[in-house]
Amino acid sequence: MLTLYAAIIPSYLQILSSMRGLIDEAESFCRKKGLSPDLLIEARLTDDMHSFAYQVKSTAVHAIGAIDGVRAGVFSPDNATPPSSFGEMRIRIEETRSALELITVEEMESFIGRAMRFEAGERRLEFLAEDFLLSFSQPNFYFHATTAYDILRMKGVAVGKRHFLGPLRLKSA
């Protein structure tokens, strides 16, 4: 039986590991090329999109931030300033991973059927917790992870699909 936990937490941990690797690749690229880290930290796919740092921050927001929102019954956009260095990005990702690793199957299953709300200014969207996590938060999580990857590719960082996928959950012998 597929649980809410199994549908969300292992994949968040996998992609957050890949985000950590992307941050390391970005920092290494800047060092090897003698570039200012801000060249990648502030890079955007297009002028009306957010920066690499924002994309990294948003993976954390749509992982543990969304679960904290379910716990509280309400989730709102995180308007905090994104990390300003590769080190700060790594800390945000590691703190998120650590918090996710503490979540139990039982807690995640207790969310099923629970009412929760998304609030952004005057906008209010009512969800069941599982629908919020699976139809709003999880797609946003992958959008921001993909956009972070795409920014690095666009800037010439040598990352490929394996960098995005992170550590696969292979069958043990």
C-alpha atoms as a PDB file:
ATOM      1  CA  MET A   1       0.000   0.000   0.000  1.00  0.00           C
ATOM      2  CA  LEU A   2       1.309   3.401  -0.964  1.00  0.00           C
ATOM      3  CA  THR A   3       1.274   5.842   1.930  1.00  0.00           C
ATOM      4  CA  LEU A   4       1.276   9.630   1.888  1.00  0.00           C
ATOM      5  CA  TYR A   5       4.713   9.418   3.490  1.00  0.00           C
ATOM      6  CA  ALA A   6       6.024   7.151   0.695  1.00  0.00           C
ATOM      7  CA  ALA A   7       4.538   9.429  -1.967  1.00  0.00           C
ATOM      8  CA  ILE A   8       6.318  12.500  -0.626  1.00  0.00           C
ATOM      9  CA  ILE A   9       9.167  12.226   1.877  1.00  0.00           C
ATOM     10  CA  PRO A  10      11.621   9.875   0.084  1.00  0.00           C
ATOM     11  CA  SER A  11      11.372  11.906  -3.131  1.00  0.00           C
ATOM     12  CA  TYR A  12      11.860  15.203  -1.293  1.00  0.00           C
ATOM     13  CA  LEU A  13      14.974  13.764   0.363  1.00  0.00           C
ATOM     14  CA  GLN A  14      16.278  12.467  -2.981  1.00  0.00           C
ATOM     15  CA  ILE A  15      15.866  15.758  -4.805  1.00  0.00           C
ATOM     16  CA  LEU A  16      17.149  17.812  -1.870  1.00  0.00           C
ATOM     17  CA  SER A  17      20.314  15.689  -2.063  1.00  0.00           C
ATOM     18  CA  SER A  18      20.551  16.575  -5.724  1.00  0.00           C
ATOM     19  CA  MET A  19      20.046  20.254  -4.844  1.00  0.00           C
ATOM     20  CA  ARG A  20      23.013  19.985  -2.487  1.00  0.00           C
ATOM     21  CA  GLY A  21      25.042  18.551  -5.350  1.00  0.00           C
ATOM     22  CA  LEU A  22      23.927  21.332  -7.698  1.00  0.00           C
ATOM     23  CA  ILE A  23      25.034  23.940  -5.167  1.00  0.00           C
ATOM     24  CA  ASP A  24      28.433  22.229  -4.920  1.00  0.00           C
ATOM     25  CA  GLU A  25      28.724  22.118  -8.728  1.00  0.00           C
ATOM     26  CA  ALA A  26      27.822  25.816  -8.978  1.00  0.00           C
ATOM     27  CA  GLU A  27      30.408  26.787  -6.387  1.00  0.00           C
ATOM     28  CA  SER A  28      33.082  24.640  -8.039  1.00  0.00           C
ATOM     29  CA  PHE A  29      32.272  26.177 -11.436  1.00  0.00           C
ATOM     30  CA  CYS A  30      32.714  29.698 -10.057  1.00  0.00           C
ATOM     31  CA  ARG A  31      35.983  28.776  -8.373  1.00  0.00           C
ATOM     32  CA  LYS A  32      37.423  27.025 -11.474  1.00  0.00           C
ATOM     33  CA  LYS A  33      36.403  29.866 -13.793  1.00  0.00           C
ATOM     34  CA  GLY A  34      37.402  32.653 -11.381  1.00  0.00           C
ATOM     35  CA  LEU A  35      33.855  33.996 -11.376  1.00  0.00           C
ATOM     36  CA  SER A  36      32.016  35.848  -8.658  1.00  0.00           C
ATOM     37  CA  PRO A  37      29.546  33.483  -6.937  1.00  0.00           C
ATOM     38  CA  ASP A  38      26.864  36.136  -7.443  1.00  0.00           C
ATOM     39  CA  LEU A  39      26.979  35.376 -11.170  1.00  0.00           C
ATOM     40  CA  LEU A  40      25.175  32.106 -10.412  1.00  0.00           C
ATOM     41  CA  ILE A  41      23.477  32.940  -7.112  1.00  0.00           C
ATOM     42  CA  GLU A  42      21.578  35.802  -8.755  1.00  0.00           C
ATOM     43  CA  ALA A  43      21.174  34.157 -12.189  1.00  0.00           C
ATOM     44  CA  ARG A  44      17.678  33.865 -13.658  1.00  0.00           C
ATOM     45  CA  LEU A  45      16.280  32.080 -16.678  1.00  0.00           C
ATOM     46  CA  THR A  46      14.555  35.304 -17.704  1.00  0.00           C
ATOM     47  CA  ASP A  47      14.074  38.729 -16.151  1.00  0.00           C
ATOM     48  CA  ASP A  48      10.604  37.992 -14.788  1.00  0.00           C
ATOM     49  CA  MET A  49      11.679  34.820 -12.965  1.00  0.00           C
ATOM     50  CA  HIS A  50      13.401  34.437  -9.616  1.00  0.00           C
ATOM     51  CA  SER A  51      17.100  33.758  -9.039  1.00  0.00           C
ATOM     52  CA  PHE A  52      18.948  30.494  -8.493  1.00  0.00           C
ATOM     53  CA  ALA A  53      19.078  31.289  -4.750  1.00  0.00           C
ATOM     54  CA  TYR A  54      15.296  31.765  -4.689  1.00  0.00           C
ATOM     55  CA  GLN A  55      14.766  28.456  -6.497  1.00  0.00           C
ATOM     56  CA  VAL A  56      16.937  26.645  -3.949  1.00  0.00           C
ATOM     57  CA  LYS A  57      15.094  28.334  -1.069  1.00  0.00           C
ATOM     58  CA  SER A  58      11.761  27.382  -2.603  1.00  0.00           C
ATOM     59  CA  THR A  59      12.596  23.674  -2.636  1.00  0.00           C
ATOM     60  CA  ALA A  60      12.903  23.919   1.150  1.00  0.00           C
ATOM     61  CA  VAL A  61       9.719  25.997   1.392  1.00  0.00           C
ATOM     62  CA  HIS A  62       7.700  23.454  -0.585  1.00  0.00           C
ATOM     63  CA  ALA A  63       9.166  20.530   1.365  1.00  0.00           C
ATOM     64  CA  ILE A  64       9.352  21.153   5.109  1.00  0.00           C
ATOM     65  CA  GLY A  65       7.567  24.503   4.868  1.00  0.00           C
ATOM     66  CA  ALA A  66       4.547  22.832   3.311  1.00  0.00           C
ATOM     67  CA  ILE A  67       4.505  20.115   5.960  1.00  0.00           C
ATOM     68  CA  ASP A  68       4.759  22.767   8.670  1.00  0.00           C
ATOM     69  CA  GLY A  69       1.838  24.489   6.927  1.00  0.00           C
ATOM     70  CA  VAL A  70      -0.219  21.313   7.123  1.00  0.00           C
ATOM     71  CA  ARG A  71       0.662  21.009  10.794  1.00  0.00           C
ATOM     72  CA  ALA A  72      -0.533  24.585  11.379  1.00  0.00           C
ATOM     73  CA  GLY A  73      -3.528  24.339   9.047  1.00  0.00           C
ATOM     74  CA  VAL A  74      -2.330  27.195   6.847  1.00  0.00           C
ATOM     75  CA  PHE A  75       0.480  27.773   4.365  1.00  0.00           C
ATOM     76  CA  SER A  76       1.537  31.145   3.005  1.00  0.00           C
ATOM     77  CA  PRO A  77       4.328  32.072   0.596  1.00  0.00           C
ATOM     78  CA  ASP A  78       7.724  32.567   2.226  1.00  0.00           C
ATOM     79  CA  ASN A  79       8.800  36.118   1.440  1.00  0.00           C
ATOM     80  CA  ALA A  80      12.089  35.867   3.315  1.00  0.00           C
ATOM     81  CA  THR A  81      15.233  36.906   1.489  1.00  0.00           C
ATOM     82  CA  PRO A  82      16.861  33.952  -0.295  1.00  0.00           C
ATOM     83  CA  PRO A  83      20.288  32.749   0.852  1.00  0.00           C
ATOM     84  CA  SER A  84      23.082  35.021  -0.313  1.00  0.00           C
ATOM     85  CA  SER A  85      25.890  32.455  -0.539  1.00  0.00           C
ATOM     86  CA  PHE A  86      26.432  28.850  -1.523  1.00  0.00           C
ATOM     87  CA  GLY A  87      27.160  28.087   2.139  1.00  0.00           C
ATOM     88  CA  GLU A  88      23.826  29.540   3.257  1.00  0.00           C
ATOM     89  CA  MET A  89      22.054  27.515   0.552  1.00  0.00           C
ATOM     90  CA  ARG A  90      23.722  24.319   1.769  1.00  0.00           C
ATOM     91  CA  ILE A  91      22.650  25.068   5.341  1.00  0.00           C
ATOM     92  CA  ARG A  92      19.035  25.626   4.240  1.00  0.00           C
ATOM     93  CA  ILE A  93      19.001  22.354   2.319  1.00  0.00           C
ATOM     94  CA  GLU A  94      20.644  20.379   5.147  1.00  0.00           C
ATOM     95  CA  GLU A  95      18.267  21.823   7.755  1.00  0.00           C
ATOM     96  CA  THR A  96      15.350  20.875   5.532  1.00  0.00           C
ATOM     97  CA  ARG A  97      16.667  17.346   5.022  1.00  0.00           C
ATOM     98  CA  SER A  98      17.217  16.923   8.772  1.00  0.00           C
ATOM     99  CA  ALA A  99      13.683  18.097   9.549  1.00  0.00           C
ATOM    100  CA  LEU A 100      12.185  15.763   6.936  1.00  0.00           C
ATOM    101  CA  GLU A 101      14.129  12.805   8.322  1.00  0.00           C
ATOM    102  CA  LEU A 102      12.344  13.318  11.666  1.00  0.00           C
ATOM    103  CA  ILE A 103       8.881  12.944  10.144  1.00  0.00           C
ATOM    104  CA  THR A 104       7.264   9.583  10.725  1.00  0.00           C
ATOM    105  CA  VAL A 105       4.906   7.566   8.561  1.00  0.00           C
ATOM    106  CA  GLU A 106       2.336   7.862  11.345  1.00  0.00           C
ATOM    107  CA  GLU A 107       2.477  11.651  11.372  1.00  0.00           C
ATOM    108  CA  MET A 108       2.125  11.884   7.595  1.00  0.00           C
ATOM    109  CA  GLU A 109      -0.817   9.483   7.591  1.00  0.00           C
ATOM    110  CA  SER A 110      -2.487  11.543  10.348  1.00  0.00           C
ATOM    111  CA  PHE A 111      -2.663  14.455   7.874  1.00  0.00           C
ATOM    112  CA  ILE A 112      -5.065  12.622   5.556  1.00  0.00           C
ATOM    113  CA  GLY A 113      -8.464  14.285   5.555  1.00  0.00           C
ATOM    114  CA  ARG A 114      -7.263  17.280   7.552  1.00  0.00           C
ATOM    115  CA  ALA A 115      -8.464  20.661   6.300  1.00  0.00           C
ATOM    116  CA  MET A 116      -5.827  23.244   5.467  1.00  0.00           C
ATOM    117  CA  ARG A 117      -5.642  26.532   3.640  1.00  0.00           C
ATOM    118  CA  PHE A 118      -3.258  28.318   1.316  1.00  0.00           C
ATOM    119  CA  GLU A 119      -3.200  32.088   1.898  1.00  0.00           C
ATOM    120  CA  ALA A 120      -1.492  34.678  -0.288  1.00  0.00           C
ATOM    121  CA  GLY A 121      -2.685  38.217   0.332  1.00  0.00           C
ATOM    122  CA  GLU A 122      -6.445  38.170  -0.216  1.00  0.00           C
ATOM    123  CA  ARG A 123      -6.333  34.797  -1.970  1.00  0.00           C
ATOM    124  CA  ARG A 124      -7.524  31.776  -0.004  1.00  0.00           C
ATOM    125  CA  LEU A 125      -7.569  28.212  -1.301  1.00  0.00           C
ATOM    126  CA  GLU A 126      -9.091  25.452   0.815  1.00  0.00           C
ATOM    127  CA  PHE A 127      -7.557  21.968   0.598  1.00  0.00           C
ATOM    128  CA  LEU A 128      -7.457  18.631   2.287  1.00  0.00           C
ATOM    129  CA  ALA A 129      -3.891  18.177   3.506  1.00  0.00           C
ATOM    130  CA  GLU A 130      -3.079  15.324   1.133  1.00  0.00           C
ATOM    131  CA  ASP A 131      -4.414  17.282  -1.847  1.00  0.00           C
ATOM    132  CA  PHE A 132      -2.407  20.349  -0.849  1.00  0.00           C
ATOM    133  CA  LEU A 133       0.778  18.295  -0.570  1.00  0.00           C
ATOM    134  CA  LEU A 134       0.264  16.281  -3.765  1.00  0.00           C
ATOM    135  CA  SER A 135      -1.380  18.837  -6.074  1.00  0.00           C
ATOM    136  CA  PHE A 136       0.163  22.120  -4.927  1.00  0.00           C
ATOM    137  CA  SER A 137       3.293  21.705  -2.884  1.00  0.00           C
ATOM    138  CA  GLN A 138       4.906  18.748  -4.624  1.00  0.00           C
ATOM    139  CA  PRO A 139       4.538  20.216  -8.142  1.00  0.00           C
ATOM    140  CA  ASN A 140       5.954  23.530  -6.854  1.00  0.00           C
ATOM    141  CA  PHE A 141       8.862  21.656  -5.254  1.00  0.00           C
ATOM    142  CA  TYR A 142       9.756  20.003  -8.574  1.00  0.00           C
ATOM    143  CA  PHE A 143       9.248  23.237 -10.518  1.00  0.00           C
ATOM    144  CA  HIS A 144      11.776  25.084  -8.348  1.00  0.00           C
ATOM    145  CA  ALA A 145      14.268  22.195  -8.356  1.00  0.00           C
ATOM    146  CA  THR A 146      14.042  21.961 -12.150  1.00  0.00           C
ATOM    147  CA  THR A 147      14.393  25.719 -12.550  1.00  0.00           C
ATOM    148  CA  ALA A 148      17.513  25.743 -10.346  1.00  0.00           C
ATOM    149  CA  TYR A 149      18.993  22.990 -12.520  1.00  0.00           C
ATOM    150  CA  ASP A 150      18.032  24.831 -15.711  1.00  0.00           C
ATOM    151  CA  ILE A 151      19.680  28.055 -14.528  1.00  0.00           C
ATOM    152  CA  LEU A 152      22.969  26.251 -13.978  1.00  0.00           C
ATOM    153  CA  ARG A 153      22.760  24.542 -17.389  1.00  0.00           C
ATOM    154  CA  MET A 154      22.016  27.876 -19.036  1.00  0.00           C
ATOM    155  CA  LYS A 155      25.099  29.398 -17.383  1.00  0.00           C
ATOM    156  CA  GLY A 156      27.350  26.597 -18.613  1.00  0.00           C
ATOM    157  CA  VAL A 157      27.704  24.488 -15.464  1.00  0.00           C
ATOM    158  CA  ALA A 158      28.387  20.898 -16.559  1.00  0.00           C
ATOM    159  CA  VAL A 159      25.428  19.190 -14.925  1.00  0.00           C
ATOM    160  CA  GLY A 160      23.275  16.485 -16.439  1.00  0.00           C
ATOM    161  CA  LYS A 161      20.249  14.379 -15.627  1.00  0.00           C
ATOM    162  CA  ARG A 162      22.134  12.306 -13.041  1.00  0.00           C
ATOM    163  CA  HIS A 163      22.881  15.527 -11.131  1.00  0.00           C
ATOM    164  CA  PHE A 164      19.172  16.333 -11.045  1.00  0.00           C
ATOM    165  CA  LEU A 165      18.069  12.821 -10.089  1.00  0.00           C
ATOM    166  CA  GLY A 166      20.390  12.563  -7.101  1.00  0.00           C
ATOM    167  CA  PRO A 167      20.743   9.275  -5.224  1.00  0.00           C
ATOM    168  CA  LEU A 168      18.326   6.708  -6.660  1.00  0.00           C
ATOM    169  CA  ARG A 169      16.446   4.353  -4.347  1.00  0.00           C
ATOM    170  CA  LEU A 170      17.658   1.057  -5.826  1.00  0.00           C
ATOM    171  CA  LYS A 171      16.510  -2.401  -4.882  1.00  0.00           C
ATOM    172  CA  SER A 172      18.833  -3.904  -2.287  1.00  0.00           C
ATOM    173  CA  ALA A 173      20.383  -7.290  -2.911  1.00  0.00           C
END
